[in-house]
Amino acid sequence: MIVTPLKGIAYRLVLGKFQNEPISGNAALMCGFRYNPPPGLIQIITGQEQRLNSFKAEYLSDSEQTARNEVSQDTSGRPRILFEVEFSFSSLLDLTDHNVVADLGKELNPNDDPQEFQSSDLNCDWAKINAETNNLAPTQLLGYILHNTYAIEALKVPSVRNQKGYNIVVFIDNLQIGSYLIAKNGNTDVQRIDGSLKVK
């Protein structure tokens, strides 16, 4: 599995109540989203029932447009604040690269079992799967495995709502020393998270 460094600027639209900690990862920890499981879900993994713990994950977008598309399903009319997020990662896995996804699929599914991970699963309706089956969506299981098994700080993933864009899923607790996130509102640094893990 090939991971690469990446640094740049991403975007995030945040509800007002989270404006002081726009990149904490706590919302994903409490609720679960596309690449991290909801807390306390019982799932069968390798033939055994396991109660899964969720984890902090932050979801960023490559552009303002992608960020707006990603929250377009929220029809409540609640105002959101746009943050620029400067980032630097030393170990990112690029799931927008078809070759990387194919290699990952072979690694996670060596017997080509149609019930296991397939590249088409990246576009699954994770919320519907959670609600109707009380099971993990394929992307949530994938995120869980990558977060817990591999020294990966972030995933670059296709945007389901903007086919020309992509998102970045940051595993907050996996950030290594030298990696960081800085959320900015205009010229003001609102929150900074620095990696603390030592990787041999």
C-alpha atoms as a PDB file:
ATOM      1  CA  MET A   1       0.000   0.000   0.000  1.00  0.00           C
ATOM      2  CA  ILE A   2       1.631   3.223  -1.179  1.00  0.00           C
ATOM      3  CA  VAL A   3       1.162   6.363   0.909  1.00  0.00           C
ATOM      4  CA  THR A   4       2.473   9.764  -0.082  1.00  0.00           C
ATOM      5  CA  PRO A   5       2.984  13.155   1.567  1.00  0.00           C
ATOM      6  CA  LEU A   6       0.638  15.997   0.694  1.00  0.00           C
ATOM      7  CA  LYS A   7       0.338  19.618   1.735  1.00  0.00           C
ATOM      8  CA  GLY A   8      -1.966  22.399   0.606  1.00  0.00           C
ATOM      9  CA  ILE A   9      -5.203  24.249   1.327  1.00  0.00           C
ATOM     10  CA  ALA A  10      -8.648  22.689   1.758  1.00  0.00           C
ATOM     11  CA  TYR A  11     -12.074  24.037   2.699  1.00  0.00           C
ATOM     12  CA  ARG A  12     -14.740  23.264   5.251  1.00  0.00           C
ATOM     13  CA  LEU A  13     -18.203  24.703   5.915  1.00  0.00           C
ATOM     14  CA  VAL A  14     -19.004  24.631   9.622  1.00  0.00           C
ATOM     15  CA  LEU A  15     -22.179  25.294  11.591  1.00  0.00           C
ATOM     16  CA  GLY A  16     -21.930  28.311  13.864  1.00  0.00           C
ATOM     17  CA  LYS A  17     -21.879  26.258  17.068  1.00  0.00           C
ATOM     18  CA  PHE A  18     -18.596  24.667  15.928  1.00  0.00           C
ATOM     19  CA  GLN A  19     -16.909  27.881  14.794  1.00  0.00           C
ATOM     20  CA  ASN A  20     -14.339  27.873  17.615  1.00  0.00           C
ATOM     21  CA  GLU A  21     -13.241  24.276  16.927  1.00  0.00           C
ATOM     22  CA  PRO A  22     -13.913  23.772  13.223  1.00  0.00           C
ATOM     23  CA  ILE A  23     -11.443  20.888  12.768  1.00  0.00           C
ATOM     24  CA  SER A  24     -11.734  18.922  16.018  1.00  0.00           C
ATOM     25  CA  GLY A  25     -13.149  15.765  14.410  1.00  0.00           C
ATOM     26  CA  ASN A  26     -15.657  15.476  17.256  1.00  0.00           C
ATOM     27  CA  ALA A  27     -18.793  15.552  15.092  1.00  0.00           C
ATOM     28  CA  ALA A  28     -17.622  12.467  13.205  1.00  0.00           C
ATOM     29  CA  LEU A  29     -16.661  10.798  16.476  1.00  0.00           C
ATOM     30  CA  MET A  30     -20.170  11.304  17.868  1.00  0.00           C
ATOM     31  CA  CYS A  31     -22.188  10.509  14.742  1.00  0.00           C
ATOM     32  CA  GLY A  32     -20.131   8.610  12.193  1.00  0.00           C
ATOM     33  CA  PHE A  33     -19.904   9.688   8.558  1.00  0.00           C
ATOM     34  CA  ARG A  34     -18.856   8.144   5.244  1.00  0.00           C
ATOM     35  CA  TYR A  35     -15.410   6.901   6.318  1.00  0.00           C
ATOM     36  CA  ASN A  36     -15.812   6.410  10.056  1.00  0.00           C
ATOM     37  CA  PRO A  37     -18.372   4.244  11.863  1.00  0.00           C
ATOM     38  CA  PRO A  38     -21.088   5.465  14.194  1.00  0.00           C
ATOM     39  CA  PRO A  39     -20.123   4.679  17.807  1.00  0.00           C
ATOM     40  CA  GLY A  40     -21.078   1.407  19.440  1.00  0.00           C
ATOM     41  CA  LEU A  41     -22.239  -0.414  16.324  1.00  0.00           C
ATOM     42  CA  ILE A  42     -21.879  -4.190  16.500  1.00  0.00           C
ATOM     43  CA  GLN A  43     -20.416  -5.601  13.315  1.00  0.00           C
ATOM     44  CA  ILE A  44     -19.304  -9.037  12.177  1.00  0.00           C
ATOM     45  CA  ILE A  45     -15.645  -8.831  11.139  1.00  0.00           C
ATOM     46  CA  THR A  46     -13.713 -11.964  10.116  1.00  0.00           C
ATOM     47  CA  GLY A  47     -16.541 -14.110  11.440  1.00  0.00           C
ATOM     48  CA  GLN A  48     -16.758 -12.536  14.899  1.00  0.00           C
ATOM     49  CA  GLU A  49     -19.091  -9.940  16.369  1.00  0.00           C
ATOM     50  CA  GLN A  50     -17.208  -6.833  17.434  1.00  0.00           C
ATOM     51  CA  ARG A  51     -18.442  -3.629  19.048  1.00  0.00           C
ATOM     52  CA  LEU A  52     -16.685  -0.904  17.099  1.00  0.00           C
ATOM     53  CA  ASN A  53     -15.328   2.266  18.618  1.00  0.00           C
ATOM     54  CA  SER A  54     -15.560   5.326  16.428  1.00  0.00           C
ATOM     55  CA  PHE A  55     -12.712   7.813  16.080  1.00  0.00           C
ATOM     56  CA  LYS A  56     -12.096  11.460  15.322  1.00  0.00           C
ATOM     57  CA  ALA A  57     -12.160  12.248  11.613  1.00  0.00           C
ATOM     58  CA  GLU A  58     -12.282  15.586   9.842  1.00  0.00           C
ATOM     59  CA  TYR A  59     -13.764  15.940   6.382  1.00  0.00           C
ATOM     60  CA  LEU A  60     -12.255  18.601   4.120  1.00  0.00           C
ATOM     61  CA  SER A  61     -12.893  19.541   0.483  1.00  0.00           C
ATOM     62  CA  ASP A  62     -10.604  20.545  -2.358  1.00  0.00           C
ATOM     63  CA  SER A  63     -12.586  23.694  -3.205  1.00  0.00           C
ATOM     64  CA  GLU A  64     -15.305  25.984  -1.932  1.00  0.00           C
ATOM     65  CA  GLN A  65     -17.676  24.509  -4.516  1.00  0.00           C
ATOM     66  CA  THR A  66     -17.091  20.941  -3.363  1.00  0.00           C
ATOM     67  CA  ALA A  67     -17.534  22.018   0.261  1.00  0.00           C
ATOM     68  CA  ARG A  68     -20.874  23.646  -0.613  1.00  0.00           C
ATOM     69  CA  ASN A  69     -22.010  20.594  -2.569  1.00  0.00           C
ATOM     70  CA  GLU A  70     -21.125  18.321   0.358  1.00  0.00           C
ATOM     71  CA  VAL A  71     -23.510  20.125   2.728  1.00  0.00           C
ATOM     72  CA  SER A  72     -26.251  20.704   0.145  1.00  0.00           C
ATOM     73  CA  GLN A  73     -28.367  17.869   1.578  1.00  0.00           C
ATOM     74  CA  ASP A  74     -28.831  19.917   4.773  1.00  0.00           C
ATOM     75  CA  THR A  75     -32.058  21.753   3.983  1.00  0.00           C
ATOM     76  CA  SER A  76     -32.487  23.214   7.469  1.00  0.00           C
ATOM     77  CA  GLY A  77     -31.210  26.605   6.335  1.00  0.00           C
ATOM     78  CA  ARG A  78     -28.748  26.769   9.226  1.00  0.00           C
ATOM     79  CA  PRO A  79     -25.945  29.200   8.365  1.00  0.00           C
ATOM     80  CA  ARG A  80     -22.437  27.850   7.933  1.00  0.00           C
ATOM     81  CA  ILE A  81     -19.040  29.510   8.082  1.00  0.00           C
ATOM     82  CA  LEU A  82     -16.397  28.792   5.456  1.00  0.00           C
ATOM     83  CA  PHE A  83     -12.912  27.977   6.742  1.00  0.00           C
ATOM     84  CA  GLU A  84      -9.721  27.532   4.812  1.00  0.00           C
ATOM     85  CA  VAL A  85      -7.675  24.679   6.252  1.00  0.00           C
ATOM     86  CA  GLU A  86      -3.944  24.579   5.657  1.00  0.00           C
ATOM     87  CA  PHE A  87      -2.638  21.032   5.978  1.00  0.00           C
ATOM     88  CA  SER A  88       0.495  18.947   5.769  1.00  0.00           C
ATOM     89  CA  PHE A  89       0.491  15.131   5.889  1.00  0.00           C
ATOM     90  CA  SER A  90       3.339  12.660   5.563  1.00  0.00           C
ATOM     91  CA  SER A  91       1.162   9.590   4.901  1.00  0.00           C
ATOM     92  CA  LEU A  92      -1.918  10.024   2.717  1.00  0.00           C
ATOM     93  CA  LEU A  93      -3.629   7.233   0.778  1.00  0.00           C
ATOM     94  CA  ASP A  94      -5.103   8.426  -2.525  1.00  0.00           C
ATOM     95  CA  LEU A  95      -8.394   6.643  -3.192  1.00  0.00           C
ATOM     96  CA  THR A  96      -9.038   8.833  -6.255  1.00  0.00           C
ATOM     97  CA  ASP A  97      -6.273   6.852  -8.000  1.00  0.00           C
ATOM     98  CA  HIS A  98      -7.861   3.802  -9.664  1.00  0.00           C
ATOM     99  CA  ASN A  99      -4.616   1.817  -9.417  1.00  0.00           C
ATOM    100  CA  VAL A 100      -4.369   2.446  -5.676  1.00  0.00           C
ATOM    101  CA  VAL A 101      -7.992   1.365  -5.198  1.00  0.00           C
ATOM    102  CA  ALA A 102      -7.444  -1.772  -7.290  1.00  0.00           C
ATOM    103  CA  ASP A 103      -4.360  -2.708  -5.257  1.00  0.00           C
ATOM    104  CA  LEU A 104      -6.202  -2.014  -2.020  1.00  0.00           C
ATOM    105  CA  GLY A 105      -9.117  -4.154  -3.171  1.00  0.00           C
ATOM    106  CA  LYS A 106      -6.753  -7.066  -3.867  1.00  0.00           C
ATOM    107  CA  GLU A 107      -5.105  -6.657  -0.485  1.00  0.00           C
ATOM    108  CA  LEU A 108      -8.363  -6.516   1.467  1.00  0.00           C
ATOM    109  CA  ASN A 109     -10.217  -8.988  -0.749  1.00  0.00           C
ATOM    110  CA  PRO A 110      -7.691 -11.515  -2.121  1.00  0.00           C
ATOM    111  CA  ASN A 111     -10.421 -14.033  -3.027  1.00  0.00           C
ATOM    112  CA  ASP A 112     -12.447 -11.462  -5.006  1.00  0.00           C
ATOM    113  CA  ASP A 113     -15.504 -12.137  -2.861  1.00  0.00           C
ATOM    114  CA  PRO A 114     -18.367  -9.926  -4.159  1.00  0.00           C
ATOM    115  CA  GLN A 115     -19.496  -9.434  -0.544  1.00  0.00           C
ATOM    116  CA  GLU A 116     -16.170  -7.812   0.346  1.00  0.00           C
ATOM    117  CA  PHE A 117     -14.676  -4.446  -0.639  1.00  0.00           C
ATOM    118  CA  GLN A 118     -15.164  -3.365  -4.255  1.00  0.00           C
ATOM    119  CA  SER A 119     -14.118  -0.045  -5.807  1.00  0.00           C
ATOM    120  CA  SER A 120     -17.770   0.778  -6.581  1.00  0.00           C
ATOM    121  CA  ASP A 121     -18.419   0.808  -2.818  1.00  0.00           C
ATOM    122  CA  LEU A 122     -16.768   4.241  -2.527  1.00  0.00           C
ATOM    123  CA  ASN A 123     -20.030   5.814  -3.760  1.00  0.00           C
ATOM    124  CA  CYS A 124     -22.380   3.874  -1.469  1.00  0.00           C
ATOM    125  CA  ASP A 125     -25.255   5.554   0.380  1.00  0.00           C
ATOM    126  CA  TRP A 126     -23.714   5.107   3.816  1.00  0.00           C
ATOM    127  CA  ALA A 127     -26.509   6.837   5.753  1.00  0.00           C
ATOM    128  CA  LYS A 128     -29.191   4.658   4.157  1.00  0.00           C
ATOM    129  CA  ILE A 129     -27.199   1.496   4.876  1.00  0.00           C
ATOM    130  CA  ASN A 130     -26.783   2.501   8.535  1.00  0.00           C
ATOM    131  CA  ALA A 131     -30.471   3.372   8.928  1.00  0.00           C
ATOM    132  CA  GLU A 132     -31.970   0.375   7.124  1.00  0.00           C
ATOM    133  CA  THR A 133     -29.591  -2.423   8.113  1.00  0.00           C
ATOM    134  CA  ASN A 134     -27.884  -1.205  11.306  1.00  0.00           C
ATOM    135  CA  ASN A 135     -24.663  -2.358   9.649  1.00  0.00           C
ATOM    136  CA  LEU A 136     -21.539  -0.519   8.614  1.00  0.00           C
ATOM    137  CA  ALA A 137     -21.397   0.853   5.105  1.00  0.00           C
ATOM    138  CA  PRO A 138     -18.447  -0.506   3.071  1.00  0.00           C
ATOM    139  CA  THR A 139     -16.673   2.857   3.253  1.00  0.00           C
ATOM    140  CA  GLN A 140     -17.057   2.971   7.039  1.00  0.00           C
ATOM    141  CA  LEU A 141     -15.540  -0.487   7.383  1.00  0.00           C
ATOM    142  CA  LEU A 142     -12.748   0.527   5.007  1.00  0.00           C
ATOM    143  CA  GLY A 143     -12.033   3.666   7.040  1.00  0.00           C
ATOM    144  CA  TYR A 144     -12.098   1.651  10.259  1.00  0.00           C
ATOM    145  CA  ILE A 145      -9.545  -0.835   8.905  1.00  0.00           C
ATOM    146  CA  LEU A 146      -7.258   1.842   7.465  1.00  0.00           C
ATOM    147  CA  HIS A 147      -7.429   3.929  10.646  1.00  0.00           C
ATOM    148  CA  ASN A 148      -6.692   1.041  13.000  1.00  0.00           C
ATOM    149  CA  THR A 149      -4.372  -1.189  10.988  1.00  0.00           C
ATOM    150  CA  TYR A 150      -2.170   1.118   8.932  1.00  0.00           C
ATOM    151  CA  ALA A 151      -0.089   4.192   9.742  1.00  0.00           C
ATOM    152  CA  ILE A 152      -2.267   6.429   7.581  1.00  0.00           C
ATOM    153  CA  GLU A 153      -3.033  10.031   8.512  1.00  0.00           C
ATOM    154  CA  ALA A 154      -5.507  10.883   5.765  1.00  0.00           C
ATOM    155  CA  LEU A 155      -7.450   9.619   2.775  1.00  0.00           C
ATOM    156  CA  LYS A 156      -7.979  11.487  -0.489  1.00  0.00           C
ATOM    157  CA  VAL A 157     -11.396  10.311  -1.640  1.00  0.00           C
ATOM    158  CA  PRO A 158     -13.806  11.008  -4.515  1.00  0.00           C
ATOM    159  CA  SER A 159     -16.554  13.524  -3.833  1.00  0.00           C
ATOM    160  CA  VAL A 160     -19.921  11.890  -4.403  1.00  0.00           C
ATOM    161  CA  ARG A 161     -21.557  15.301  -4.819  1.00  0.00           C
ATOM    162  CA  ASN A 162     -18.997  16.910  -7.115  1.00  0.00           C
ATOM    163  CA  GLN A 163     -17.552  14.534  -9.677  1.00  0.00           C
ATOM    164  CA  LYS A 164     -14.843  17.057 -10.555  1.00  0.00           C
ATOM    165  CA  GLY A 165     -13.741  17.417  -6.941  1.00  0.00           C
ATOM    166  CA  TYR A 166     -12.409  15.379  -4.071  1.00  0.00           C
ATOM    167  CA  ASN A 167     -12.436  15.334  -0.292  1.00  0.00           C
ATOM    168  CA  ILE A 168      -9.798  14.622   2.318  1.00  0.00           C
ATOM    169  CA  VAL A 169     -10.631  12.556   5.384  1.00  0.00           C
ATOM    170  CA  VAL A 170      -8.193  13.263   8.210  1.00  0.00           C
ATOM    171  CA  PHE A 171      -7.678  10.685  10.958  1.00  0.00           C
ATOM    172  CA  ILE A 172      -6.943  13.208  13.715  1.00  0.00           C
ATOM    173  CA  ASP A 173      -5.440  10.753  16.212  1.00  0.00           C
ATOM    174  CA  ASN A 174      -3.106   9.306  13.561  1.00  0.00           C
ATOM    175  CA  LEU A 175      -1.356  12.597  12.763  1.00  0.00           C
ATOM    176  CA  GLN A 176       2.397  12.194  13.037  1.00  0.00           C
ATOM    177  CA  ILE A 177       4.940  14.650  14.378  1.00  0.00           C
ATOM    178  CA  GLY A 178       5.438  17.332  11.726  1.00  0.00           C
ATOM    179  CA  SER A 179       1.938  16.971  10.287  1.00  0.00           C
ATOM    180  CA  TYR A 180      -0.686  19.582  11.066  1.00  0.00           C
ATOM    181  CA  LEU A 181      -4.023  21.245  10.328  1.00  0.00           C
ATOM    182  CA  ILE A 182      -4.634  25.001  10.649  1.00  0.00           C
ATOM    183  CA  ALA A 183      -8.182  26.344  10.278  1.00  0.00           C
ATOM    184  CA  LYS A 184      -8.344  29.967   9.146  1.00  0.00           C
ATOM    185  CA  ASN A 185     -11.212  32.432   9.029  1.00  0.00           C
ATOM    186  CA  GLY A 186      -9.880  35.151   6.764  1.00  0.00           C
ATOM    187  CA  ASN A 187      -6.457  36.100   8.152  1.00  0.00           C
ATOM    188  CA  THR A 188      -7.204  34.688  11.599  1.00  0.00           C
ATOM    189  CA  ASP A 189      -5.930  31.285  12.725  1.00  0.00           C
ATOM    190  CA  VAL A 190      -8.871  29.800  14.630  1.00  0.00           C
ATOM    191  CA  GLN A 191      -7.612  26.308  15.469  1.00  0.00           C
ATOM    192  CA  ARG A 192      -4.399  24.379  14.995  1.00  0.00           C
ATOM    193  CA  ILE A 193      -3.856  20.650  15.461  1.00  0.00           C
ATOM    194  CA  ASP A 194      -0.330  19.251  15.431  1.00  0.00           C
ATOM    195  CA  GLY A 195       0.522  15.593  15.065  1.00  0.00           C
ATOM    196  CA  SER A 196       1.950  13.828  18.093  1.00  0.00           C
ATOM    197  CA  LEU A 197       2.638  10.267  16.940  1.00  0.00           C
ATOM    198  CA  LYS A 198       6.190   9.065  16.526  1.00  0.00           C
ATOM    199  CA  VAL A 199       6.503   6.709  13.571  1.00  0.00           C
ATOM    200  CA  LYS A 200       9.566   4.484  13.374  1.00  0.00           C
END
